[in-house]
Amino acid sequence: MEWGFISASLINLIINLSYTIVALFIAVMALLAIDKKLLKGVDIQKELKANNVSVAIFASSILIFVALIICFGMKA
């Protein structure tokens, strides 16, 4: 393999990784802001322990959202 190809791949990886970290940080901050506004009196952990299906769906959608951000951030 040529050194130029390896260095270009590493630069591309670093750019994609930094983009992913920034996008993930912004998305988490947005989710926390939405959570504070919409779900003031809801304790997600307590509701999950009480087998509340709607809260479980909401929590899993947040995890899927974060996974999609990471997935699209690492695609080149």
PDB file of N, CA and C in Angstrom:
ATOM      1  N   MET A   1       0.831  -1.181   0.000  1.00  0.00           N
ATOM      2  CA  MET A   1       0.000   0.000   0.000  1.00  0.00           C
ATOM      3  C   MET A   1       0.878   1.248   0.000  1.00  0.00           C
ATOM      4  N   GLU A   2       0.386   2.251  -0.628  1.00  0.00           N
ATOM      5  CA  GLU A   2       1.139   3.491  -0.705  1.00  0.00           C
ATOM      6  C   GLU A   2       0.886   4.360   0.518  1.00  0.00           C
ATOM      7  N   TRP A   3       1.891   5.142   0.845  1.00  0.00           N
ATOM      8  CA  TRP A   3       1.783   6.034   1.997  1.00  0.00           C
ATOM      9  C   TRP A   3       0.710   7.098   1.775  1.00  0.00           C
ATOM     10  N   GLY A   4       0.534   7.561   0.565  1.00  0.00           N
ATOM     11  CA  GLY A   4      -0.474   8.580   0.266  1.00  0.00           C
ATOM     12  C   GLY A   4      -1.885   8.079   0.532  1.00  0.00           C
ATOM     13  N   PHE A   5      -2.131   6.831   0.165  1.00  0.00           N
ATOM     14  CA  PHE A   5      -3.452   6.244   0.394  1.00  0.00           C
ATOM     15  C   PHE A   5      -3.730   6.093   1.883  1.00  0.00           C
ATOM     16  N   ILE A   6      -2.729   5.644   2.634  1.00  0.00           N
ATOM     17  CA  ILE A   6      -2.889   5.448   4.076  1.00  0.00           C
ATOM     18  C   ILE A   6      -3.102   6.789   4.775  1.00  0.00           C
ATOM     19  N   SER A   7      -2.331   7.801   4.409  1.00  0.00           N
ATOM     20  CA  SER A   7      -2.484   9.102   5.058  1.00  0.00           C
ATOM     21  C   SER A   7      -3.829   9.737   4.707  1.00  0.00           C
ATOM     22  N   ALA A   8      -4.284   9.575   3.460  1.00  0.00           N
ATOM     23  CA  ALA A   8      -5.602  10.110   3.082  1.00  0.00           C
ATOM     24  C   ALA A   8      -6.708   9.388   3.836  1.00  0.00           C
ATOM     25  N   SER A   9      -6.566   8.093   4.024  1.00  0.00           N
ATOM     26  CA  SER A   9      -7.567   7.335   4.771  1.00  0.00           C
ATOM     27  C   SER A   9      -7.599   7.757   6.232  1.00  0.00           C
ATOM     28  N   LEU A  10      -6.443   7.973   6.828  1.00  0.00           N
ATOM     29  CA  LEU A  10      -6.396   8.415   8.220  1.00  0.00           C
ATOM     30  C   LEU A  10      -6.973   9.811   8.396  1.00  0.00           C
ATOM     31  N   ILE A  11      -6.688  10.694   7.458  1.00  0.00           N
ATOM     32  CA  ILE A  11      -7.250  12.047   7.526  1.00  0.00           C
ATOM     33  C   ILE A  11      -8.763  11.988   7.394  1.00  0.00           C
ATOM     34  N   ASN A  12      -9.250  11.176   6.466  1.00  0.00           N
ATOM     35  CA  ASN A  12     -10.691  11.018   6.290  1.00  0.00           C
ATOM     36  C   ASN A  12     -11.333  10.433   7.547  1.00  0.00           C
ATOM     37  N   LEU A  13     -10.687   9.467   8.176  1.00  0.00           N
ATOM     38  CA  LEU A  13     -11.193   8.878   9.407  1.00  0.00           C
ATOM     39  C   LEU A  13     -11.260   9.909  10.522  1.00  0.00           C
ATOM     40  N   ILE A  14     -10.242  10.725  10.654  1.00  0.00           N
ATOM     41  CA  ILE A  14     -10.219  11.751  11.701  1.00  0.00           C
ATOM     42  C   ILE A  14     -11.314  12.793  11.469  1.00  0.00           C
ATOM     43  N   ILE A  15     -11.500  13.190  10.220  1.00  0.00           N
ATOM     44  CA  ILE A  15     -12.552  14.163   9.904  1.00  0.00           C
ATOM     45  C   ILE A  15     -13.925  13.579  10.216  1.00  0.00           C
ATOM     46  N   ASN A  16     -14.178  12.342   9.802  1.00  0.00           N
ATOM     47  CA  ASN A  16     -15.471  11.711  10.071  1.00  0.00           C
ATOM     48  C   ASN A  16     -15.701  11.498  11.561  1.00  0.00           C
ATOM     49  N   LEU A  17     -14.667  11.118  12.271  1.00  0.00           N
ATOM     50  CA  LEU A  17     -14.791  10.907  13.709  1.00  0.00           C
ATOM     51  C   LEU A  17     -15.087  12.219  14.441  1.00  0.00           C
ATOM     52  N   SER A  18     -14.413  13.287  14.051  1.00  0.00           N
ATOM     53  CA  SER A  18     -14.676  14.574  14.698  1.00  0.00           C
ATOM     54  C   SER A  18     -16.076  15.078  14.362  1.00  0.00           C
ATOM     55  N   TYR A  19     -16.522  14.883  13.130  1.00  0.00           N
ATOM     56  CA  TYR A  19     -17.885  15.259  12.753  1.00  0.00           C
ATOM     57  C   TYR A  19     -18.907  14.470  13.586  1.00  0.00           C
ATOM     58  N   THR A  20     -18.654  13.193  13.758  1.00  0.00           N
ATOM     59  CA  THR A  20     -19.565  12.354  14.539  1.00  0.00           C
ATOM     60  C   THR A  20     -19.628  12.809  15.985  1.00  0.00           C
ATOM     61  N   ILE A  21     -18.514  13.125  16.566  1.00  0.00           N
ATOM     62  CA  ILE A  21     -18.488  13.561  17.962  1.00  0.00           C
ATOM     63  C   ILE A  21     -19.227  14.887  18.129  1.00  0.00           C
ATOM     64  N   VAL A  22     -19.013  15.818  17.207  1.00  0.00           N
ATOM     65  CA  VAL A  22     -19.709  17.107  17.282  1.00  0.00           C
ATOM     66  C   VAL A  22     -21.210  16.915  17.095  1.00  0.00           C
ATOM     67  N   ALA A  23     -21.610  16.119  16.103  1.00  0.00           N
ATOM     68  CA  ALA A  23     -23.033  15.884  15.857  1.00  0.00           C
ATOM     69  C   ALA A  23     -23.679  15.172  17.030  1.00  0.00           C
ATOM     70  N   LEU A  24     -22.983  14.224  17.619  1.00  0.00           N
ATOM     71  CA  LEU A  24     -23.517  13.506  18.773  1.00  0.00           C
ATOM     72  C   LEU A  24     -23.673  14.429  19.975  1.00  0.00           C
ATOM     73  N   PHE A  25     -22.719  15.301  20.192  1.00  0.00           N
ATOM     74  CA  PHE A  25     -22.798  16.258  21.297  1.00  0.00           C
ATOM     75  C   PHE A  25     -23.991  17.197  21.114  1.00  0.00           C
ATOM     76  N   ILE A  26     -24.165  17.727  19.912  1.00  0.00           N
ATOM     77  CA  ILE A  26     -25.286  18.630  19.639  1.00  0.00           C
ATOM     78  C   ILE A  26     -26.610  17.891  19.791  1.00  0.00           C
ATOM     79  N   ALA A  27     -26.676  16.656  19.301  1.00  0.00           N
ATOM     80  CA  ALA A  27     -27.914  15.887  19.391  1.00  0.00           C
ATOM     81  C   ALA A  27     -28.272  15.566  20.839  1.00  0.00           C
ATOM     82  N   VAL A  28     -27.295  15.216  21.643  1.00  0.00           N
ATOM     83  CA  VAL A  28     -27.562  14.907  23.052  1.00  0.00           C
ATOM     84  C   VAL A  28     -28.013  16.162  23.790  1.00  0.00           C
ATOM     85  N   MET A  29     -27.398  17.299  23.497  1.00  0.00           N
ATOM     86  CA  MET A  29     -27.830  18.542  24.133  1.00  0.00           C
ATOM     87  C   MET A  29     -29.264  18.895  23.722  1.00  0.00           C
ATOM     88  N   ALA A  30     -29.602  18.677  22.462  1.00  0.00           N
ATOM     89  CA  ALA A  30     -30.966  18.940  21.999  1.00  0.00           C
ATOM     90  C   ALA A  30     -31.953  17.991  22.674  1.00  0.00           C
ATOM     91  N   LEU A  31     -31.584  16.726  22.802  1.00  0.00           N
ATOM     92  CA  LEU A  31     -32.468  15.769  23.470  1.00  0.00           C
ATOM     93  C   LEU A  31     -32.664  16.112  24.940  1.00  0.00           C
ATOM     94  N   LEU A  32     -31.619  16.552  25.593  1.00  0.00           N
ATOM     95  CA  LEU A  32     -31.754  16.945  26.997  1.00  0.00           C
ATOM     96  C   LEU A  32     -32.648  18.176  27.139  1.00  0.00           C
ATOM     97  N   ALA A  33     -32.533  19.121  26.219  1.00  0.00           N
ATOM     98  CA  ALA A  33     -33.391  20.304  26.270  1.00  0.00           C
ATOM     99  C   ALA A  33     -34.855  19.929  26.030  1.00  0.00           C
ATOM    100  N   ILE A  34     -35.085  19.057  25.067  1.00  0.00           N
ATOM    101  CA  ILE A  34     -36.452  18.604  24.795  1.00  0.00           C
ATOM    102  C   ILE A  34     -36.990  17.810  25.978  1.00  0.00           C
ATOM    103  N   ASP A  35     -36.139  16.999  26.568  1.00  0.00           N
ATOM    104  CA  ASP A  35     -36.546  16.197  27.725  1.00  0.00           C
ATOM    105  C   ASP A  35     -36.949  17.086  28.894  1.00  0.00           C
ATOM    106  N   LYS A  36     -36.207  18.153  29.132  1.00  0.00           N
ATOM    107  CA  LYS A  36     -36.543  19.058  30.235  1.00  0.00           C
ATOM    108  C   LYS A  36     -37.837  19.808  29.974  1.00  0.00           C
ATOM    109  N   LYS A  37     -38.107  20.138  28.725  1.00  0.00           N
ATOM    110  CA  LYS A  37     -39.326  20.888  28.397  1.00  0.00           C
ATOM    111  C   LYS A  37     -40.561  19.992  28.392  1.00  0.00           C
ATOM    112  N   LEU A  38     -40.468  18.823  27.769  1.00  0.00           N
ATOM    113  CA  LEU A  38     -41.646  17.986  27.571  1.00  0.00           C
ATOM    114  C   LEU A  38     -41.910  17.009  28.709  1.00  0.00           C
ATOM    115  N   LEU A  39     -40.861  16.521  29.327  1.00  0.00           N
ATOM    116  CA  LEU A  39     -41.022  15.472  30.337  1.00  0.00           C
ATOM    117  C   LEU A  39     -40.561  15.958  31.706  1.00  0.00           C
ATOM    118  N   LYS A  40     -41.166  17.012  32.188  1.00  0.00           N
ATOM    119  CA  LYS A  40     -40.739  17.596  33.470  1.00  0.00           C
ATOM    120  C   LYS A  40     -40.948  16.650  34.644  1.00  0.00           C
ATOM    121  N   GLY A  41     -42.098  15.992  34.708  1.00  0.00           N
ATOM    122  CA  GLY A  41     -42.410  15.178  35.873  1.00  0.00           C
ATOM    123  C   GLY A  41     -42.236  13.688  35.668  1.00  0.00           C
ATOM    124  N   VAL A  42     -41.563  13.289  34.599  1.00  0.00           N
ATOM    125  CA  VAL A  42     -41.440  11.863  34.298  1.00  0.00           C
ATOM    126  C   VAL A  42     -40.024  11.397  34.617  1.00  0.00           C
ATOM    127  N   ASP A  43     -39.917  10.399  35.490  1.00  0.00           N
ATOM    128  CA  ASP A  43     -38.635   9.771  35.784  1.00  0.00           C
ATOM    129  C   ASP A  43     -38.540   8.512  34.919  1.00  0.00           C
ATOM    130  N   ILE A  44     -37.678   8.555  33.916  1.00  0.00           N
ATOM    131  CA  ILE A  44     -37.616   7.470  32.931  1.00  0.00           C
ATOM    132  C   ILE A  44     -37.209   6.160  33.586  1.00  0.00           C
ATOM    133  N   GLN A  45     -36.225   6.181  34.471  1.00  0.00           N
ATOM    134  CA  GLN A  45     -35.768   4.951  35.118  1.00  0.00           C
ATOM    135  C   GLN A  45     -36.873   4.322  35.965  1.00  0.00           C
ATOM    136  N   LYS A  46     -37.598   5.158  36.685  1.00  0.00           N
ATOM    137  CA  LYS A  46     -38.684   4.658  37.530  1.00  0.00           C
ATOM    138  C   LYS A  46     -39.804   4.056  36.679  1.00  0.00           C
ATOM    139  N   GLU A  47     -40.124   4.712  35.579  1.00  0.00           N
ATOM    140  CA  GLU A  47     -41.179   4.219  34.692  1.00  0.00           C
ATOM    141  C   GLU A  47     -40.764   2.933  33.979  1.00  0.00           C
ATOM    142  N   LEU A  48     -39.492   2.803  33.652  1.00  0.00           N
ATOM    143  CA  LEU A  48     -39.019   1.553  33.039  1.00  0.00           C
ATOM    144  C   LEU A  48     -39.119   0.394  34.025  1.00  0.00           C
ATOM    145  N   LYS A  49     -38.809   0.652  35.286  1.00  0.00           N
ATOM    146  CA  LYS A  49     -38.930  -0.396  36.295  1.00  0.00           C
ATOM    147  C   LYS A  49     -40.382  -0.795  36.536  1.00  0.00           C
ATOM    148  N   ALA A  50     -41.306   0.145  36.270  1.00  0.00           N
ATOM    149  CA  ALA A  50     -42.736  -0.127  36.439  1.00  0.00           C
ATOM    150  C   ALA A  50     -43.355  -0.724  35.171  1.00  0.00           C
ATOM    151  N   ASN A  51     -42.518  -1.117  34.209  1.00  0.00           N
ATOM    152  CA  ASN A  51     -42.948  -1.752  32.950  1.00  0.00           C
ATOM    153  C   ASN A  51     -43.852  -0.861  32.102  1.00  0.00           C
ATOM    154  N   ASN A  52     -43.540   0.405  32.026  1.00  0.00           N
ATOM    155  CA  ASN A  52     -44.281   1.333  31.179  1.00  0.00           C
ATOM    156  C   ASN A  52     -43.751   1.198  29.749  1.00  0.00           C
ATOM    157  N   VAL A  53     -44.579   0.677  28.861  1.00  0.00           N
ATOM    158  CA  VAL A  53     -44.153   0.385  27.495  1.00  0.00           C
ATOM    159  C   VAL A  53     -43.892   1.659  26.706  1.00  0.00           C
ATOM    160  N   SER A  54     -44.690   2.685  26.899  1.00  0.00           N
ATOM    161  CA  SER A  54     -44.499   3.914  26.136  1.00  0.00           C
ATOM    162  C   SER A  54     -43.162   4.578  26.462  1.00  0.00           C
ATOM    163  N   VAL A  55     -42.755   4.538  27.718  1.00  0.00           N
ATOM    164  CA  VAL A  55     -41.456   5.095  28.092  1.00  0.00           C
ATOM    165  C   VAL A  55     -40.334   4.231  27.530  1.00  0.00           C
ATOM    166  N   ALA A  56     -40.525   2.933  27.486  1.00  0.00           N
ATOM    167  CA  ALA A  56     -39.524   2.039  26.897  1.00  0.00           C
ATOM    168  C   ALA A  56     -39.353   2.322  25.410  1.00  0.00           C
ATOM    169  N   ILE A  57     -40.439   2.577  24.717  1.00  0.00           N
ATOM    170  CA  ILE A  57     -40.358   2.915  23.290  1.00  0.00           C
ATOM    171  C   ILE A  57     -39.638   4.250  23.111  1.00  0.00           C
ATOM    172  N   PHE A  58     -39.954   5.220  23.958  1.00  0.00           N
ATOM    173  CA  PHE A  58     -39.293   6.520  23.887  1.00  0.00           C
ATOM    174  C   PHE A  58     -37.796   6.383  24.139  1.00  0.00           C
ATOM    175  N   ALA A  59     -37.413   5.635  25.163  1.00  0.00           N
ATOM    176  CA  ALA A  59     -35.999   5.457  25.492  1.00  0.00           C
ATOM    177  C   ALA A  59     -35.259   4.717  24.381  1.00  0.00           C
ATOM    178  N   SER A  60     -35.900   3.720  23.787  1.00  0.00           N
ATOM    179  CA  SER A  60     -35.245   2.990  22.704  1.00  0.00           C
ATOM    180  C   SER A  60     -35.133   3.851  21.447  1.00  0.00           C
ATOM    181  N   SER A  61     -36.082   4.740  21.229  1.00  0.00           N
ATOM    182  CA  SER A  61     -35.970   5.629  20.068  1.00  0.00           C
ATOM    183  C   SER A  61     -34.802   6.598  20.234  1.00  0.00           C
ATOM    184  N   ILE A  62     -34.527   7.018  21.462  1.00  0.00           N
ATOM    185  CA  ILE A  62     -33.362   7.860  21.713  1.00  0.00           C
ATOM    186  C   ILE A  62     -32.084   7.088  21.396  1.00  0.00           C
ATOM    187  N   LEU A  63     -32.012   5.839  21.806  1.00  0.00           N
ATOM    188  CA  LEU A  63     -30.823   5.027  21.528  1.00  0.00           C
ATOM    189  C   LEU A  63     -30.649   4.784  20.031  1.00  0.00           C
ATOM    190  N   ILE A  64     -31.746   4.563  19.322  1.00  0.00           N
ATOM    191  CA  ILE A  64     -31.668   4.380  17.873  1.00  0.00           C
ATOM    192  C   ILE A  64     -31.212   5.674  17.210  1.00  0.00           C
ATOM    193  N   PHE A  65     -31.701   6.814  17.698  1.00  0.00           N
ATOM    194  CA  PHE A  65     -31.302   8.111  17.172  1.00  0.00           C
ATOM    195  C   PHE A  65     -29.794   8.321  17.324  1.00  0.00           C
ATOM    196  N   VAL A  66     -29.265   8.007  18.482  1.00  0.00           N
ATOM    197  CA  VAL A  66     -27.827   8.145  18.715  1.00  0.00           C
ATOM    198  C   VAL A  66     -27.041   7.183  17.821  1.00  0.00           C
ATOM    199  N   ALA A  67     -27.534   5.967  17.652  1.00  0.00           N
ATOM    200  CA  ALA A  67     -26.854   4.998  16.783  1.00  0.00           C
ATOM    201  C   ALA A  67     -26.853   5.462  15.329  1.00  0.00           C
ATOM    202  N   LEU A  68     -27.928   6.073  14.881  1.00  0.00           N
ATOM    203  CA  LEU A  68     -27.978   6.587  13.508  1.00  0.00           C
ATOM    204  C   LEU A  68     -26.994   7.730  13.308  1.00  0.00           C
ATOM    205  N   ILE A  69     -26.856   8.588  14.294  1.00  0.00           N
ATOM    206  CA  ILE A  69     -25.891   9.680  14.179  1.00  0.00           C
ATOM    207  C   ILE A  69     -24.484   9.119  14.052  1.00  0.00           C
ATOM    208  N   ILE A  70     -24.164   8.129  14.863  1.00  0.00           N
ATOM    209  CA  ILE A  70     -22.823   7.525  14.793  1.00  0.00           C
ATOM    210  C   ILE A  70     -22.635   6.806  13.462  1.00  0.00           C
ATOM    211  N   CYS A  71     -23.656   6.111  12.991  1.00  0.00           N
ATOM    212  CA  CYS A  71     -23.562   5.364  11.740  1.00  0.00           C
ATOM    213  C   CYS A  71     -23.317   6.303  10.552  1.00  0.00           C
ATOM    214  N   PHE A  72     -24.119   7.360  10.455  1.00  0.00           N
ATOM    215  CA  PHE A  72     -23.970   8.269   9.332  1.00  0.00           C
ATOM    216  C   PHE A  72     -22.710   9.119   9.455  1.00  0.00           C
ATOM    217  N   GLY A  73     -22.252   9.342  10.656  1.00  0.00           N
ATOM    218  CA  GLY A  73     -21.021  10.082  10.827  1.00  0.00           C
ATOM    219  C   GLY A  73     -19.794   9.309  10.382  1.00  0.00           C
ATOM    220  N   MET A  74     -19.833   7.990  10.512  1.00  0.00           N
ATOM    221  CA  MET A  74     -18.683   7.181  10.128  1.00  0.00           C
ATOM    222  C   MET A  74     -18.710   6.778   8.660  1.00  0.00           C
ATOM    223  N   LYS A  75     -19.839   6.998   7.969  1.00  0.00           N
ATOM    224  CA  LYS A  75     -19.866   6.740   6.525  1.00  0.00           C
ATOM    225  C   LYS A  75     -19.118   7.847   5.817  1.00  0.00           C
ATOM    226  N   ALA A  76     -18.426   7.472   4.791  1.00  0.00           N
ATOM    227  CA  ALA A  76     -17.656   8.488   4.048  1.00  0.00           C
ATOM    228  C   ALA A  76     -18.303   8.796   2.726  1.00  0.00           C
TER     229      ALA A  76
END
